[in-house]
Amino acid sequence: MVKKLEDLLQARGVRLFAVVDHSGEASRVGLRMNPTKLMIFGDPRAGTPIMIAAPTAALDLPLKILVSEDDGGLVRISCNSAEYLQARHDFPRELMRNIAAAEVLAKTLAEGTD
């Protein structure tokens, strides 16, 4: 699923800033954790206007998608909605379209389509 997200981001011209491998880091210190990776991505042209309007939005930007697997092997895809982020940081509603990508990508991944 992580590779699929990387491919989707690349196809859409969205920059992948980092992949945080939570389960890999847990393993390095002798702890067991189901596969869990946080994908951090975005486009400064979309995120910067939001952070200018509401500087606290930088706490949640760039956008993130969490890809995690449960004990049964079910892969879950999680992200914050644009509505949640707008309510949390009170930036102008018209800027919500700038960060709709996370939900669109998560839905695309969940449906297994491009």
PDB file of N, CA and C in Angstrom:
ATOM      1  N   MET A   1       0.827  -1.193   0.000  1.00  0.00           N
ATOM      2  CA  MET A   1       0.000   0.000   0.000  1.00  0.00           C
ATOM      3  C   MET A   1       0.874   1.262   0.000  1.00  0.00           C
ATOM      4  N   VAL A   2       1.996   1.199   0.697  1.00  0.00           N
ATOM      5  CA  VAL A   2       2.902   2.343   0.745  1.00  0.00           C
ATOM      6  C   VAL A   2       3.431   2.647  -0.658  1.00  0.00           C
ATOM      7  N   LYS A   3       3.823   1.632  -1.374  1.00  0.00           N
ATOM      8  CA  LYS A   3       4.335   1.805  -2.742  1.00  0.00           C
ATOM      9  C   LYS A   3       3.245   2.397  -3.641  1.00  0.00           C
ATOM     10  N   LYS A   4       1.999   1.923  -3.467  1.00  0.00           N
ATOM     11  CA  LYS A   4       0.894   2.466  -4.261  1.00  0.00           C
ATOM     12  C   LYS A   4       0.722   3.954  -3.999  1.00  0.00           C
ATOM     13  N   LEU A   5       0.823   4.347  -2.724  1.00  0.00           N
ATOM     14  CA  LEU A   5       0.691   5.765  -2.390  1.00  0.00           C
ATOM     15  C   LEU A   5       1.851   6.558  -2.985  1.00  0.00           C
ATOM     16  N   GLU A   6       3.056   6.027  -2.895  1.00  0.00           N
ATOM     17  CA  GLU A   6       4.196   6.712  -3.497  1.00  0.00           C
ATOM     18  C   GLU A   6       3.966   6.917  -4.997  1.00  0.00           C
ATOM     19  N   ASP A   7       3.462   5.886  -5.672  1.00  0.00           N
ATOM     20  CA  ASP A   7       3.187   5.977  -7.105  1.00  0.00           C
ATOM     21  C   ASP A   7       2.096   7.000  -7.409  1.00  0.00           C
ATOM     22  N   LEU A   8       1.040   7.017  -6.588  1.00  0.00           N
ATOM     23  CA  LEU A   8      -0.045   7.987  -6.782  1.00  0.00           C
ATOM     24  C   LEU A   8       0.470   9.417  -6.618  1.00  0.00           C
ATOM     25  N   LEU A   9       1.279   9.640  -5.594  1.00  0.00           N
ATOM     26  CA  LEU A   9       1.831  10.973  -5.365  1.00  0.00           C
ATOM     27  C   LEU A   9       2.687  11.409  -6.552  1.00  0.00           C
ATOM     28  N   GLN A  10       3.549  10.522  -7.002  1.00  0.00           N
ATOM     29  CA  GLN A  10       4.419  10.846  -8.127  1.00  0.00           C
ATOM     30  C   GLN A  10       3.596  11.154  -9.380  1.00  0.00           C
ATOM     31  N   ALA A  11       2.580  10.347  -9.643  1.00  0.00           N
ATOM     32  CA  ALA A  11       1.743  10.552 -10.829  1.00  0.00           C
ATOM     33  C   ALA A  11       1.012  11.894 -10.786  1.00  0.00           C
ATOM     34  N   ARG A  12       0.721  12.374  -9.587  1.00  0.00           N
ATOM     35  CA  ARG A  12      -0.002  13.645  -9.441  1.00  0.00           C
ATOM     36  C   ARG A  12       0.935  14.835  -9.229  1.00  0.00           C
ATOM     37  N   GLY A  13       2.230  14.583  -9.252  1.00  0.00           N
ATOM     38  CA  GLY A  13       3.193  15.664  -9.084  1.00  0.00           C
ATOM     39  C   GLY A  13       3.238  16.213  -7.678  1.00  0.00           C
ATOM     40  N   VAL A  14       2.883  15.383  -6.693  1.00  0.00           N
ATOM     41  CA  VAL A  14       2.894  15.798  -5.290  1.00  0.00           C
ATOM     42  C   VAL A  14       4.172  15.270  -4.653  1.00  0.00           C
ATOM     43  N   ARG A  15       4.839  16.100  -3.910  1.00  0.00           N
ATOM     44  CA  ARG A  15       6.124  15.726  -3.309  1.00  0.00           C
ATOM     45  C   ARG A  15       5.931  14.896  -2.046  1.00  0.00           C
ATOM     46  N   LEU A  16       6.636  13.771  -1.979  1.00  0.00           N
ATOM     47  CA  LEU A  16       6.697  12.964  -0.765  1.00  0.00           C
ATOM     48  C   LEU A  16       7.879  13.483   0.035  1.00  0.00           C
ATOM     49  N   PHE A  17       7.598  14.131   1.161  1.00  0.00           N
ATOM     50  CA  PHE A  17       8.658  14.722   1.971  1.00  0.00           C
ATOM     51  C   PHE A  17       9.368  13.685   2.833  1.00  0.00           C
ATOM     52  N   ALA A  18       8.595  12.736   3.383  1.00  0.00           N
ATOM     53  CA  ALA A  18       9.203  11.752   4.287  1.00  0.00           C
ATOM     54  C   ALA A  18       8.275  10.571   4.497  1.00  0.00           C
ATOM     55  N   VAL A  19       8.885   9.467   4.868  1.00  0.00           N
ATOM     56  CA  VAL A  19       8.157   8.285   5.316  1.00  0.00           C
ATOM     57  C   VAL A  19       8.699   7.964   6.696  1.00  0.00           C
ATOM     58  N   VAL A  20       7.822   7.988   7.680  1.00  0.00           N
ATOM     59  CA  VAL A  20       8.208   7.640   9.043  1.00  0.00           C
ATOM     60  C   VAL A  20       7.797   6.189   9.260  1.00  0.00           C
ATOM     61  N   ASP A  21       8.778   5.327   9.444  1.00  0.00           N
ATOM     62  CA  ASP A  21       8.542   3.902   9.628  1.00  0.00           C
ATOM     63  C   ASP A  21       8.451   3.608  11.123  1.00  0.00           C
ATOM     64  N   HIS A  22       7.268   3.801  11.679  1.00  0.00           N
ATOM     65  CA  HIS A  22       7.082   3.600  13.121  1.00  0.00           C
ATOM     66  C   HIS A  22       7.429   2.176  13.531  1.00  0.00           C
ATOM     67  N   SER A  23       6.945   1.195  12.781  1.00  0.00           N
ATOM     68  CA  SER A  23       7.193  -0.202  13.151  1.00  0.00           C
ATOM     69  C   SER A  23       8.673  -0.557  13.000  1.00  0.00           C
ATOM     70  N   GLY A  24       9.323  -0.008  12.000  1.00  0.00           N
ATOM     71  CA  GLY A  24      10.755  -0.247  11.826  1.00  0.00           C
ATOM     72  C   GLY A  24      11.567   0.317  12.968  1.00  0.00           C
ATOM     73  N   GLU A  25      11.202   1.517  13.398  1.00  0.00           N
ATOM     74  CA  GLU A  25      11.911   2.129  14.527  1.00  0.00           C
ATOM     75  C   GLU A  25      11.633   1.365  15.821  1.00  0.00           C
ATOM     76  N   ALA A  26      10.411   0.885  15.986  1.00  0.00           N
ATOM     77  CA  ALA A  26      10.093   0.074  17.164  1.00  0.00           C
ATOM     78  C   ALA A  26      10.964  -1.175  17.179  1.00  0.00           C
ATOM     79  N   SER A  27      11.085  -1.818  16.036  1.00  0.00           N
ATOM     80  CA  SER A  27      11.895  -3.030  15.915  1.00  0.00           C
ATOM     81  C   SER A  27      13.357  -2.765  16.274  1.00  0.00           C
ATOM     82  N   ARG A  28      13.867  -1.610  15.885  1.00  0.00           N
ATOM     83  CA  ARG A  28      15.265  -1.264  16.183  1.00  0.00           C
ATOM     84  C   ARG A  28      15.554  -1.217  17.672  1.00  0.00           C
ATOM     85  N   VAL A  29      14.530  -0.954  18.481  1.00  0.00           N
ATOM     86  CA  VAL A  29      14.735  -0.901  19.938  1.00  0.00           C
ATOM     87  C   VAL A  29      14.141  -2.115  20.638  1.00  0.00           C
ATOM     88  N   GLY A  30      13.880  -3.169  19.857  1.00  0.00           N
ATOM     89  CA  GLY A  30      13.434  -4.426  20.441  1.00  0.00           C
ATOM     90  C   GLY A  30      11.952  -4.536  20.737  1.00  0.00           C
ATOM     91  N   LEU A  31      11.144  -3.668  20.166  1.00  0.00           N
ATOM     92  CA  LEU A  31       9.701  -3.710  20.376  1.00  0.00           C
ATOM     93  C   LEU A  31       9.011  -4.195  19.107  1.00  0.00           C
ATOM     94  N   ARG A  32       7.899  -4.896  19.290  1.00  0.00           N
ATOM     95  CA  ARG A  32       7.149  -5.383  18.140  1.00  0.00           C
ATOM     96  C   ARG A  32       5.931  -4.498  17.916  1.00  0.00           C
ATOM     97  N   MET A  33       5.775  -4.094  16.672  1.00  0.00           N
ATOM     98  CA  MET A  33       4.634  -3.265  16.280  1.00  0.00           C
ATOM     99  C   MET A  33       4.215  -3.717  14.891  1.00  0.00           C
ATOM    100  N   ASN A  34       2.916  -3.829  14.674  1.00  0.00           N
ATOM    101  CA  ASN A  34       2.440  -4.160  13.333  1.00  0.00           C
ATOM    102  C   ASN A  34       2.950  -3.116  12.348  1.00  0.00           C
ATOM    103  N   PRO A  35       3.099  -3.499  11.069  1.00  0.00           N
ATOM    104  CA  PRO A  35       3.585  -2.538  10.081  1.00  0.00           C
ATOM    105  C   PRO A  35       2.782  -1.229  10.121  1.00  0.00           C
ATOM    106  N   THR A  36       3.504  -0.137  10.334  1.00  0.00           N
ATOM    107  CA  THR A  36       2.876   1.182  10.470  1.00  0.00           C
ATOM    108  C   THR A  36       3.828   2.230   9.896  1.00  0.00           C
ATOM    109  N   LYS A  37       3.358   2.934   8.865  1.00  0.00           N
ATOM    110  CA  LYS A  37       4.174   3.982   8.250  1.00  0.00           C
ATOM    111  C   LYS A  37       3.341   5.238   8.060  1.00  0.00           C
ATOM    112  N   LEU A  38       3.957   6.364   8.352  1.00  0.00           N
ATOM    113  CA  LEU A  38       3.331   7.664   8.167  1.00  0.00           C
ATOM    114  C   LEU A  38       3.959   8.315   6.942  1.00  0.00           C
ATOM    115  N   MET A  39       3.117   8.608   5.962  1.00  0.00           N
ATOM    116  CA  MET A  39       3.569   9.231   4.720  1.00  0.00           C
ATOM    117  C   MET A  39       3.283  10.739   4.820  1.00  0.00           C
ATOM    118  N   ILE A  40       4.308  11.553   4.641  1.00  0.00           N
ATOM    119  CA  ILE A  40       4.186  13.004   4.768  1.00  0.00           C
ATOM    120  C   ILE A  40       4.434  13.616   3.386  1.00  0.00           C
ATOM    121  N   PHE A  41       3.443  14.350   2.884  1.00  0.00           N
ATOM    122  CA  PHE A  41       3.505  14.811   1.498  1.00  0.00           C
ATOM    123  C   PHE A  41       2.771  16.131   1.331  1.00  0.00           C
ATOM    124  N   GLY A  42       3.015  16.786   0.213  1.00  0.00           N
ATOM    125  CA  GLY A  42       2.273  18.011  -0.055  1.00  0.00           C
ATOM    126  C   GLY A  42       2.873  18.811  -1.183  1.00  0.00           C
ATOM    127  N   ASP A  43       2.351  20.013  -1.300  1.00  0.00           N
ATOM    128  CA  ASP A  43       2.780  20.966  -2.313  1.00  0.00           C
ATOM    129  C   ASP A  43       2.780  22.339  -1.645  1.00  0.00           C
ATOM    130  N   PRO A  44       3.923  22.980  -1.543  1.00  0.00           N
ATOM    131  CA  PRO A  44       3.974  24.292  -0.894  1.00  0.00           C
ATOM    132  C   PRO A  44       3.015  25.315  -1.489  1.00  0.00           C
ATOM    133  N   ARG A  45       2.677  25.164  -2.778  1.00  0.00           N
ATOM    134  CA  ARG A  45       1.721  26.099  -3.391  1.00  0.00           C
ATOM    135  C   ARG A  45       0.340  25.954  -2.766  1.00  0.00           C
ATOM    136  N   ALA A  46       0.033  24.778  -2.234  1.00  0.00           N
ATOM    137  CA  ALA A  46      -1.268  24.539  -1.607  1.00  0.00           C
ATOM    138  C   ALA A  46      -1.235  24.814  -0.106  1.00  0.00           C
ATOM    139  N   GLY A  47      -0.180  24.369   0.549  1.00  0.00           N
ATOM    140  CA  GLY A  47      -0.116  24.491   2.006  1.00  0.00           C
ATOM    141  C   GLY A  47       0.268  25.858   2.523  1.00  0.00           C
ATOM    142  N   THR A  48       1.143  26.550   1.801  1.00  0.00           N
ATOM    143  CA  THR A  48       1.623  27.843   2.292  1.00  0.00           C
ATOM    144  C   THR A  48       0.504  28.860   2.509  1.00  0.00           C
ATOM    145  N   PRO A  49      -0.460  29.027   1.590  1.00  0.00           N
ATOM    146  CA  PRO A  49      -1.535  29.988   1.854  1.00  0.00           C
ATOM    147  C   PRO A  49      -2.317  29.664   3.132  1.00  0.00           C
ATOM    148  N   ILE A  50      -2.462  28.398   3.433  1.00  0.00           N
ATOM    149  CA  ILE A  50      -3.158  28.016   4.669  1.00  0.00           C
ATOM    150  C   ILE A  50      -2.339  28.424   5.877  1.00  0.00           C
ATOM    151  N   MET A  51      -1.030  28.163   5.839  1.00  0.00           N
ATOM    152  CA  MET A  51      -0.177  28.508   6.976  1.00  0.00           C
ATOM    153  C   MET A  51      -0.034  30.016   7.147  1.00  0.00           C
ATOM    154  N   ILE A  52      -0.131  30.760   6.055  1.00  0.00           N
ATOM    155  CA  ILE A  52      -0.113  32.225   6.161  1.00  0.00           C
ATOM    156  C   ILE A  52      -1.390  32.706   6.842  1.00  0.00           C
ATOM    157  N   ALA A  53      -2.521  32.115   6.462  1.00  0.00           N
ATOM    158  CA  ALA A  53      -3.809  32.509   7.044  1.00  0.00           C
ATOM    159  C   ALA A  53      -3.935  32.046   8.500  1.00  0.00           C
ATOM    160  N   ALA A  54      -3.358  30.893   8.806  1.00  0.00           N
ATOM    161  CA  ALA A  54      -3.466  30.325  10.151  1.00  0.00           C
ATOM    162  C   ALA A  54      -2.150  29.617  10.474  1.00  0.00           C
ATOM    163  N   PRO A  55      -1.181  30.329  11.063  1.00  0.00           N
ATOM    164  CA  PRO A  55       0.140  29.749  11.307  1.00  0.00           C
ATOM    165  C   PRO A  55       0.134  28.421  12.072  1.00  0.00           C
ATOM    166  N   THR A  56      -0.859  28.194  12.933  1.00  0.00           N
ATOM    167  CA  THR A  56      -0.886  26.919  13.667  1.00  0.00           C
ATOM    168  C   THR A  56      -1.127  25.723  12.757  1.00  0.00           C
ATOM    169  N   ALA A  57      -1.597  25.969  11.540  1.00  0.00           N
ATOM    170  CA  ALA A  57      -1.802  24.868  10.594  1.00  0.00           C
ATOM    171  C   ALA A  57      -0.493  24.148  10.290  1.00  0.00           C
ATOM    172  N   ALA A  58       0.629  24.811  10.528  1.00  0.00           N
ATOM    173  CA  ALA A  58       1.933  24.171  10.311  1.00  0.00           C
ATOM    174  C   ALA A  58       2.120  22.958  11.226  1.00  0.00           C
ATOM    175  N   LEU A  59       1.331  22.858  12.279  1.00  0.00           N
ATOM    176  CA  LEU A  59       1.364  21.658  13.120  1.00  0.00           C
ATOM    177  C   LEU A  59       0.871  20.433  12.366  1.00  0.00           C
ATOM    178  N   ASP A  60      -0.020  20.634  11.412  1.00  0.00           N
ATOM    179  CA  ASP A  60      -0.650  19.522  10.689  1.00  0.00           C
ATOM    180  C   ASP A  60      -0.277  19.456   9.216  1.00  0.00           C
ATOM    181  N   LEU A  61       0.520  20.392   8.761  1.00  0.00           N
ATOM    182  CA  LEU A  61       0.970  20.382   7.374  1.00  0.00           C
ATOM    183  C   LEU A  61       2.476  20.179   7.362  1.00  0.00           C
ATOM    184  N   PRO A  62       3.004  19.504   6.372  1.00  0.00           N
ATOM    185  CA  PRO A  62       2.366  18.926   5.221  1.00  0.00           C
ATOM    186  C   PRO A  62       1.342  17.860   5.602  1.00  0.00           C
ATOM    187  N   LEU A  63       0.576  17.453   4.605  1.00  0.00           N
ATOM    188  CA  LEU A  63      -0.450  16.438   4.807  1.00  0.00           C
ATOM    189  C   LEU A  63       0.179  15.095   5.146  1.00  0.00           C
ATOM    190  N   LYS A  64      -0.623  14.246   5.784  1.00  0.00           N
ATOM    191  CA  LYS A  64      -0.140  12.935   6.195  1.00  0.00           C
ATOM    192  C   LYS A  64      -1.195  11.871   5.947  1.00  0.00           C
ATOM    193  N   ILE A  65      -0.721  10.687   5.587  1.00  0.00           N
ATOM    194  CA  ILE A  65      -1.566   9.496   5.546  1.00  0.00           C
ATOM    195  C   ILE A  65      -0.843   8.418   6.337  1.00  0.00           C
ATOM    196  N   LEU A  66      -1.571   7.779   7.218  1.00  0.00           N
ATOM    197  CA  LEU A  66      -1.040   6.675   8.015  1.00  0.00           C
ATOM    198  C   LEU A  66      -1.483   5.372   7.379  1.00  0.00           C
ATOM    199  N   VAL A  67      -0.517   4.507   7.091  1.00  0.00           N
ATOM    200  CA  VAL A  67      -0.799   3.179   6.557  1.00  0.00           C
ATOM    201  C   VAL A  67      -0.395   2.189   7.638  1.00  0.00           C
ATOM    202  N   SER A  68      -1.375   1.459   8.159  1.00  0.00           N
ATOM    203  CA  SER A  68      -1.082   0.526   9.253  1.00  0.00           C
ATOM    204  C   SER A  68      -1.798  -0.794   9.016  1.00  0.00           C
ATOM    205  N   GLU A  69      -1.233  -1.838   9.586  1.00  0.00           N
ATOM    206  CA  GLU A  69      -1.784  -3.178   9.437  1.00  0.00           C
ATOM    207  C   GLU A  69      -2.153  -3.714  10.816  1.00  0.00           C
ATOM    208  N   ASP A  70      -3.344  -4.311  10.929  1.00  0.00           N
ATOM    209  CA  ASP A  70      -3.751  -4.860  12.226  1.00  0.00           C
ATOM    210  C   ASP A  70      -3.268  -6.305  12.364  1.00  0.00           C
ATOM    211  N   ASP A  71      -3.573  -6.915  13.502  1.00  0.00           N
ATOM    212  CA  ASP A  71      -3.112  -8.280  13.773  1.00  0.00           C
ATOM    213  C   ASP A  71      -3.620  -9.292  12.758  1.00  0.00           C
ATOM    214  N   GLY A  72      -4.753  -9.024  12.139  1.00  0.00           N
ATOM    215  CA  GLY A  72      -5.324  -9.930  11.145  1.00  0.00           C
ATOM    216  C   GLY A  72      -4.825  -9.682   9.736  1.00  0.00           C
ATOM    217  N   GLY A  73      -3.936  -8.711   9.561  1.00  0.00           N
ATOM    218  CA  GLY A  73      -3.401  -8.412   8.240  1.00  0.00           C
ATOM    219  C   GLY A  73      -4.196  -7.379   7.457  1.00  0.00           C
ATOM    220  N   LEU A  74      -5.235  -6.829   8.070  1.00  0.00           N
ATOM    221  CA  LEU A  74      -6.034  -5.801   7.407  1.00  0.00           C
ATOM    222  C   LEU A  74      -5.259  -4.485   7.406  1.00  0.00           C
ATOM    223  N   VAL A  75      -5.098  -3.904   6.232  1.00  0.00           N
ATOM    224  CA  VAL A  75      -4.393  -2.634   6.102  1.00  0.00           C
ATOM    225  C   VAL A  75      -5.401  -1.499   6.217  1.00  0.00           C
ATOM    226  N   ARG A  76      -5.085  -0.545   7.052  1.00  0.00           N
ATOM    227  CA  ARG A  76      -5.945   0.621   7.263  1.00  0.00           C
ATOM    228  C   ARG A  76      -5.228   1.866   6.761  1.00  0.00           C
ATOM    229  N   ILE A  77      -6.010   2.754   6.192  1.00  0.00           N
ATOM    230  CA  ILE A  77      -5.498   4.014   5.678  1.00  0.00           C
ATOM    231  C   ILE A  77      -6.231   5.118   6.415  1.00  0.00           C
ATOM    232  N   SER A  78      -5.477   5.986   7.084  1.00  0.00           N
ATOM    233  CA  SER A  78      -6.083   7.032   7.907  1.00  0.00           C
ATOM    234  C   SER A  78      -5.490   8.388   7.564  1.00  0.00           C
ATOM    235  N   CYS A  79      -6.344   9.410   7.633  1.00  0.00           N
ATOM    236  CA  CYS A  79      -5.867  10.783   7.457  1.00  0.00           C
ATOM    237  C   CYS A  79      -6.849  11.731   8.119  1.00  0.00           C
ATOM    238  N   ASN A  80      -6.394  12.937   8.360  1.00  0.00           N
ATOM    239  CA  ASN A  80      -7.276  13.989   8.867  1.00  0.00           C
ATOM    240  C   ASN A  80      -8.048  14.584   7.696  1.00  0.00           C
ATOM    241  N   SER A  81      -9.322  14.840   7.911  1.00  0.00           N
ATOM    242  CA  SER A  81     -10.139  15.453   6.864  1.00  0.00           C
ATOM    243  C   SER A  81      -9.848  16.950   6.773  1.00  0.00           C
ATOM    244  N   ALA A  82     -10.132  17.507   5.610  1.00  0.00           N
ATOM    245  CA  ALA A  82      -9.984  18.950   5.427  1.00  0.00           C
ATOM    246  C   ALA A  82     -10.896  19.698   6.392  1.00  0.00           C
ATOM    247  N   GLU A  83     -12.087  19.158   6.629  1.00  0.00           N
ATOM    248  CA  GLU A  83     -13.028  19.791   7.565  1.00  0.00           C
ATOM    249  C   GLU A  83     -12.447  19.847   8.976  1.00  0.00           C
ATOM    250  N   TYR A  84     -11.847  18.749   9.404  1.00  0.00           N
ATOM    251  CA  TYR A  84     -11.230  18.709  10.736  1.00  0.00           C
ATOM    252  C   TYR A  84     -10.116  19.756  10.832  1.00  0.00           C
ATOM    253  N   LEU A  85      -9.244  19.789   9.822  1.00  0.00           N
ATOM    254  CA  LEU A  85      -8.117  20.728   9.863  1.00  0.00           C
ATOM    255  C   LEU A  85      -8.592  22.176   9.818  1.00  0.00           C
ATOM    256  N   GLN A  86      -9.635  22.446   9.035  1.00  0.00           N
ATOM    257  CA  GLN A  86     -10.165  23.808   8.965  1.00  0.00           C
ATOM    258  C   GLN A  86     -10.750  24.214  10.317  1.00  0.00           C
ATOM    259  N   ALA A  87     -11.496  23.327  10.947  1.00  0.00           N
ATOM    260  CA  ALA A  87     -12.072  23.629  12.259  1.00  0.00           C
ATOM    261  C   ALA A  87     -10.981  23.788  13.315  1.00  0.00           C
ATOM    262  N   ARG A  88      -9.972  22.966  13.255  1.00  0.00           N
ATOM    263  CA  ARG A  88      -8.877  23.006  14.240  1.00  0.00           C
ATOM    264  C   ARG A  88      -8.088  24.309  14.146  1.00  0.00           C
ATOM    265  N   HIS A  89      -7.858  24.795  12.905  1.00  0.00           N
ATOM    266  CA  HIS A  89      -6.979  25.955  12.732  1.00  0.00           C
ATOM    267  C   HIS A  89      -7.702  27.221  12.272  1.00  0.00           C
ATOM    268  N   ASP A  90      -8.977  27.098  11.984  1.00  0.00           N
ATOM    269  CA  ASP A  90      -9.816  28.239  11.633  1.00  0.00           C
ATOM    270  C   ASP A  90      -9.259  29.060  10.464  1.00  0.00           C
ATOM    271  N   PHE A  91      -8.774  28.387   9.433  1.00  0.00           N
ATOM    272  CA  PHE A  91      -8.377  29.104   8.231  1.00  0.00           C
ATOM    273  C   PHE A  91      -9.614  29.266   7.345  1.00  0.00           C
ATOM    274  N   PRO A  92      -9.589  30.176   6.382  1.00  0.00           N
ATOM    275  CA  PRO A  92     -10.763  30.408   5.528  1.00  0.00           C
ATOM    276  C   PRO A  92     -11.208  29.123   4.825  1.00  0.00           C
ATOM    277  N   ARG A  93     -12.506  28.908   4.832  1.00  0.00           N
ATOM    278  CA  ARG A  93     -13.065  27.680   4.251  1.00  0.00           C
ATOM    279  C   ARG A  93     -12.699  27.502   2.778  1.00  0.00           C
ATOM    280  N   GLU A  94     -12.536  28.611   2.069  1.00  0.00           N
ATOM    281  CA  GLU A  94     -12.208  28.472   0.646  1.00  0.00           C
ATOM    282  C   GLU A  94     -10.830  27.848   0.421  1.00  0.00           C
ATOM    283  N   LEU A  95      -9.994  27.802   1.443  1.00  0.00           N
ATOM    284  CA  LEU A  95      -8.681  27.167   1.315  1.00  0.00           C
ATOM    285  C   LEU A  95      -8.735  25.652   1.551  1.00  0.00           C
ATOM    286  N   MET A  96      -9.876  25.139   1.952  1.00  0.00           N
ATOM    287  CA  MET A  96      -9.988  23.699   2.203  1.00  0.00           C
ATOM    288  C   MET A  96      -9.662  22.884   0.953  1.00  0.00           C
ATOM    289  N   ARG A  97      -9.979  23.414  -0.210  1.00  0.00           N
ATOM    290  CA  ARG A  97      -9.690  22.680  -1.454  1.00  0.00           C
ATOM    291  C   ARG A  97      -8.194  22.431  -1.612  1.00  0.00           C
ATOM    292  N   ASN A  98      -7.374  23.288  -0.993  1.00  0.00           N
ATOM    293  CA  ASN A  98      -5.925  23.131  -1.080  1.00  0.00           C
ATOM    294  C   ASN A  98      -5.437  21.846  -0.407  1.00  0.00           C
ATOM    295  N   ILE A  99      -6.205  21.348   0.552  1.00  0.00           N
ATOM    296  CA  ILE A  99      -5.745  20.176   1.306  1.00  0.00           C
ATOM    297  C   ILE A  99      -6.686  18.979   1.166  1.00  0.00           C
ATOM    298  N   ALA A 100      -7.526  19.009   0.176  1.00  0.00           N
ATOM    299  CA  ALA A 100      -8.443  17.881  -0.057  1.00  0.00           C
ATOM    300  C   ALA A 100      -7.713  16.644  -0.562  1.00  0.00           C
ATOM    301  N   ALA A 101      -6.467  16.782  -0.977  1.00  0.00           N
ATOM    302  CA  ALA A 101      -5.724  15.672  -1.582  1.00  0.00           C
ATOM    303  C   ALA A 101      -5.598  14.461  -0.666  1.00  0.00           C
ATOM    304  N   ALA A 102      -5.409  14.661   0.613  1.00  0.00           N
ATOM    305  CA  ALA A 102      -5.219  13.519   1.516  1.00  0.00           C
ATOM    306  C   ALA A 102      -6.421  12.592   1.494  1.00  0.00           C
ATOM    307  N   GLU A 103      -7.596  13.158   1.579  1.00  0.00           N
ATOM    308  CA  GLU A 103      -8.804  12.330   1.572  1.00  0.00           C
ATOM    309  C   GLU A 103      -9.006  11.642   0.230  1.00  0.00           C
ATOM    310  N   VAL A 104      -8.725  12.360  -0.858  1.00  0.00           N
ATOM    311  CA  VAL A 104      -8.871  11.779  -2.197  1.00  0.00           C
ATOM    312  C   VAL A 104      -7.894  10.616  -2.362  1.00  0.00           C
ATOM    313  N   LEU A 105      -6.666  10.816  -1.950  1.00  0.00           N
ATOM    314  CA  LEU A 105      -5.659   9.752  -2.062  1.00  0.00           C
ATOM    315  C   LEU A 105      -6.007   8.567  -1.173  1.00  0.00           C
ATOM    316  N   ALA A 106      -6.446   8.826   0.051  1.00  0.00           N
ATOM    317  CA  ALA A 106      -6.820   7.740   0.955  1.00  0.00           C
ATOM    318  C   ALA A 106      -7.968   6.937   0.375  1.00  0.00           C
ATOM    319  N   LYS A 107      -8.946   7.617  -0.186  1.00  0.00           N
ATOM    320  CA  LYS A 107     -10.082   6.911  -0.787  1.00  0.00           C
ATOM    321  C   LYS A 107      -9.629   6.104  -1.998  1.00  0.00           C
ATOM    322  N   THR A 108      -8.782   6.675  -2.824  1.00  0.00           N
ATOM    323  CA  THR A 108      -8.259   5.983  -3.999  1.00  0.00           C
ATOM    324  C   THR A 108      -7.520   4.721  -3.575  1.00  0.00           C
ATOM    325  N   LEU A 109      -6.690   4.830  -2.541  1.00  0.00           N
ATOM    326  CA  LEU A 109      -5.959   3.661  -2.040  1.00  0.00           C
ATOM    327  C   LEU A 109      -6.909   2.609  -1.502  1.00  0.00           C
ATOM    328  N   ALA A 110      -7.884   3.037  -0.734  1.00  0.00           N
ATOM    329  CA  ALA A 110      -8.845   2.095  -0.128  1.00  0.00           C
ATOM    330  C   ALA A 110      -9.648   1.359  -1.186  1.00  0.00           C
ATOM    331  N   GLU A 111      -9.968   2.053  -2.268  1.00  0.00           N
ATOM    332  CA  GLU A 111     -10.736   1.438  -3.340  1.00  0.00           C
ATOM    333  C   GLU A 111      -9.868   0.640  -4.292  1.00  0.00           C
ATOM    334  N   GLY A 112      -8.549   0.837  -4.186  1.00  0.00           N
ATOM    335  CA  GLY A 112      -7.629   0.115  -5.045  1.00  0.00           C
ATOM    336  C   GLY A 112      -7.645   0.565  -6.483  1.00  0.00           C
ATOM    337  N   THR A 113      -8.020   1.846  -6.692  1.00  0.00           N
ATOM    338  CA  THR A 113      -8.062   2.407  -8.045  1.00  0.00           C
ATOM    339  C   THR A 113      -7.107   3.558  -8.159  1.00  0.00           C
ATOM    340  N   ASP A 114      -6.825   3.952  -9.387  1.00  0.00           N
ATOM    341  CA  ASP A 114      -5.990   5.138  -9.632  1.00  0.00           C
ATOM    342  C   ASP A 114      -6.894   6.249 -10.070  1.00  0.00           C
TER     343      ASP A 114
END
